[in-house]
Amino acid sequence: MANIWSKLAGSSPVDSPDYWEYFGLRLVEHADIHPRAKVLDVGCGTGPSLFPAAERAGRHGQAIGI
């Protein structure tokens, strides 16, 4: 059924990695993560918000994705 729906629906911008990357970065900007922060990303999927959060937390911080 999913294959049929996908053909009918066509390509969605939500399916694009660029979509998730954009909103992952925006989320991290709004979260105001500082160096040494501890971050838990529940439902991180492929990590579009986890990896930018880890970068912001720095090497002395922590970011865990589930």
N, C-alpha and C. Protein backbone atom coordinates (compact mmCIF):
# COMPACT_ATOMS: atom_id res chain seq x y z
N MET A 1 0.81 -1.19 0.00
CA MET A 1 0.00 0.00 0.00
C MET A 1 0.87 1.27 0.00
N ALA A 2 1.97 1.23 0.75
CA ALA A 2 2.85 2.41 0.82
C ALA A 2 3.41 2.75 -0.55
N ASN A 3 3.75 1.73 -1.35
CA ASN A 3 4.28 2.00 -2.69
C ASN A 3 3.24 2.69 -3.55
N ILE A 4 2.01 2.27 -3.46
CA ILE A 4 0.94 2.90 -4.24
C ILE A 4 0.76 4.34 -3.80
N TRP A 5 0.69 4.58 -2.50
CA TRP A 5 0.51 5.94 -2.00
C TRP A 5 1.68 6.83 -2.42
N SER A 6 2.89 6.31 -2.34
CA SER A 6 4.07 7.10 -2.71
C SER A 6 4.01 7.52 -4.17
N LYS A 7 3.56 6.63 -5.03
CA LYS A 7 3.45 6.98 -6.45
C LYS A 7 2.39 8.06 -6.66
N LEU A 8 1.28 7.96 -5.94
CA LEU A 8 0.21 8.94 -6.09
C LEU A 8 0.60 10.29 -5.50
N ALA A 9 1.27 10.25 -4.36
CA ALA A 9 1.61 11.49 -3.66
C ALA A 9 2.77 12.22 -4.31
N GLY A 10 3.64 11.50 -4.98
CA GLY A 10 4.82 12.13 -5.56
C GLY A 10 5.85 12.43 -4.49
N SER A 11 6.79 13.25 -4.82
CA SER A 11 7.87 13.58 -3.90
C SER A 11 7.43 14.72 -2.99
N SER A 12 7.69 14.57 -1.72
CA SER A 12 7.34 15.58 -0.73
C SER A 12 8.61 16.24 -0.22
N PRO A 13 8.55 17.56 0.06
CA PRO A 13 9.74 18.20 0.63
C PRO A 13 10.12 17.61 1.99
N VAL A 14 9.16 17.01 2.69
CA VAL A 14 9.43 16.41 3.99
C VAL A 14 10.33 15.19 3.84
N ASP A 15 10.30 14.56 2.66
CA ASP A 15 11.15 13.39 2.41
C ASP A 15 12.60 13.78 2.14
N SER A 16 12.84 15.04 1.92
CA SER A 16 14.17 15.50 1.54
C SER A 16 15.08 15.64 2.76
N PRO A 17 16.33 15.18 2.66
CA PRO A 17 17.27 15.37 3.77
C PRO A 17 17.50 16.85 4.07
N ASP A 18 17.41 17.70 3.06
CA ASP A 18 17.59 19.14 3.27
C ASP A 18 16.54 19.70 4.23
N TYR A 19 15.33 19.20 4.15
CA TYR A 19 14.23 19.62 5.02
C TYR A 19 14.59 19.36 6.48
N TRP A 20 14.99 18.13 6.78
CA TRP A 20 15.30 17.75 8.15
C TRP A 20 16.57 18.44 8.65
N GLU A 21 17.54 18.60 7.76
CA GLU A 21 18.78 19.29 8.13
C GLU A 21 18.50 20.73 8.54
N TYR A 22 17.66 21.41 7.75
CA TYR A 22 17.30 22.80 8.03
C TYR A 22 16.64 22.93 9.40
N PHE A 23 15.62 22.11 9.65
CA PHE A 23 14.89 22.22 10.91
C PHE A 23 15.70 21.69 12.09
N GLY A 24 16.59 20.74 11.86
CA GLY A 24 17.48 20.29 12.92
C GLY A 24 18.39 21.41 13.39
N LEU A 25 18.95 22.14 12.44
CA LEU A 25 19.82 23.28 12.78
C LEU A 25 19.03 24.38 13.49
N ARG A 26 17.83 24.66 13.01
CA ARG A 26 17.00 25.70 13.63
C ARG A 26 16.66 25.33 15.07
N LEU A 27 16.35 24.06 15.30
CA LEU A 27 16.03 23.60 16.64
C LEU A 27 17.21 23.81 17.58
N VAL A 28 18.40 23.48 17.11
CA VAL A 28 19.60 23.64 17.94
C VAL A 28 19.85 25.13 18.21
N GLU A 29 19.61 25.98 17.24
CA GLU A 29 19.78 27.42 17.45
C GLU A 29 18.84 27.92 18.54
N HIS A 30 17.60 27.47 18.51
CA HIS A 30 16.62 27.90 19.52
C HIS A 30 16.88 27.30 20.88
N ALA A 31 17.52 26.14 20.92
CA ALA A 31 17.81 25.48 22.20
C ALA A 31 18.92 26.19 22.96
N ASP A 32 19.71 27.00 22.27
CA ASP A 32 20.77 27.78 22.91
C ASP A 32 21.72 26.87 23.71
N ILE A 33 22.26 25.88 23.02
CA ILE A 33 23.16 24.90 23.65
C ILE A 33 24.55 25.51 23.79
N HIS A 34 25.09 25.41 24.99
CA HIS A 34 26.40 25.99 25.29
C HIS A 34 27.46 24.90 25.41
N PRO A 35 28.74 25.28 25.31
CA PRO A 35 29.81 24.31 25.53
C PRO A 35 29.65 23.63 26.90
N ARG A 36 29.99 22.36 26.95
CA ARG A 36 29.89 21.52 28.14
C ARG A 36 28.45 21.10 28.46
N ALA A 37 27.51 21.40 27.59
CA ALA A 37 26.11 21.02 27.84
C ALA A 37 25.94 19.51 27.72
N LYS A 38 24.89 19.02 28.36
CA LYS A 38 24.49 17.62 28.23
C LYS A 38 23.14 17.62 27.52
N VAL A 39 23.08 16.94 26.37
CA VAL A 39 21.90 16.95 25.51
C VAL A 39 21.38 15.53 25.32
N LEU A 40 20.07 15.36 25.45
CA LEU A 40 19.42 14.09 25.14
C LEU A 40 18.42 14.35 24.03
N ASP A 41 18.63 13.71 22.89
CA ASP A 41 17.74 13.87 21.73
C ASP A 41 16.94 12.58 21.58
N VAL A 42 15.68 12.62 22.01
CA VAL A 42 14.80 11.45 21.95
C VAL A 42 14.08 11.47 20.61
N GLY A 43 14.18 10.38 19.87
CA GLY A 43 13.57 10.31 18.55
C GLY A 43 14.43 11.01 17.51
N CYS A 44 15.74 10.86 17.62
CA CYS A 44 16.66 11.63 16.78
C CYS A 44 16.72 11.18 15.32
N GLY A 45 16.20 10.01 15.03
CA GLY A 45 16.26 9.53 13.64
C GLY A 45 17.70 9.42 13.17
N THR A 46 18.01 10.06 12.06
CA THR A 46 19.36 10.01 11.51
C THR A 46 20.27 11.11 12.06
N GLY A 47 19.75 11.91 12.98
CA GLY A 47 20.59 12.87 13.69
C GLY A 47 20.67 14.29 13.17
N PRO A 48 19.64 14.80 12.46
CA PRO A 48 19.76 16.17 11.95
C PRO A 48 19.84 17.24 13.03
N SER A 49 19.36 16.94 14.23
CA SER A 49 19.54 17.88 15.33
C SER A 49 20.59 17.39 16.33
N LEU A 50 20.81 16.08 16.38
CA LEU A 50 21.78 15.52 17.32
C LEU A 50 23.20 15.97 17.01
N PHE A 51 23.60 15.88 15.75
CA PHE A 51 24.99 16.20 15.41
C PHE A 51 25.31 17.69 15.57
N PRO A 52 24.42 18.60 15.16
CA PRO A 52 24.70 20.01 15.45
C PRO A 52 24.71 20.30 16.96
N ALA A 53 23.86 19.61 17.72
CA ALA A 53 23.85 19.79 19.18
C ALA A 53 25.18 19.32 19.78
N ALA A 54 25.68 18.21 19.29
CA ALA A 54 26.96 17.68 19.77
C ALA A 54 28.10 18.66 19.46
N GLU A 55 28.05 19.26 18.29
CA GLU A 55 29.08 20.25 17.94
C GLU A 55 29.03 21.44 18.88
N ARG A 56 27.84 21.89 19.20
CA ARG A 56 27.70 23.03 20.11
C ARG A 56 28.14 22.67 21.53
N ALA A 57 27.84 21.46 21.97
CA ALA A 57 28.22 21.03 23.32
C ALA A 57 29.74 20.90 23.44
N GLY A 58 30.39 20.63 22.33
CA GLY A 58 31.85 20.57 22.32
C GLY A 58 32.39 19.27 22.87
N ARG A 59 33.69 19.17 22.89
CA ARG A 59 34.31 17.91 23.30
C ARG A 59 34.21 17.65 24.80
N HIS A 60 33.88 18.67 25.56
CA HIS A 60 33.69 18.47 27.00
C HIS A 60 32.20 18.32 27.37
N GLY A 61 31.34 18.43 26.35
CA GLY A 61 29.91 18.24 26.56
C GLY A 61 29.52 16.83 26.16
N GLN A 62 28.22 16.60 26.09
CA GLN A 62 27.73 15.27 25.77
C GLN A 62 26.43 15.38 25.00
N ALA A 63 26.25 14.56 23.97
CA ALA A 63 25.00 14.50 23.24
C ALA A 63 24.67 13.03 22.99
N ILE A 64 23.52 12.62 23.45
CA ILE A 64 23.08 11.23 23.31
C ILE A 64 21.80 11.22 22.50
N GLY A 65 21.75 10.37 21.49
CA GLY A 65 20.55 10.25 20.66
C GLY A 65 19.92 8.89 20.77
N ILE A 66 18.60 8.87 20.87
CA ILE A 66 17.85 7.62 20.95
C ILE A 66 16.85 7.60 19.82
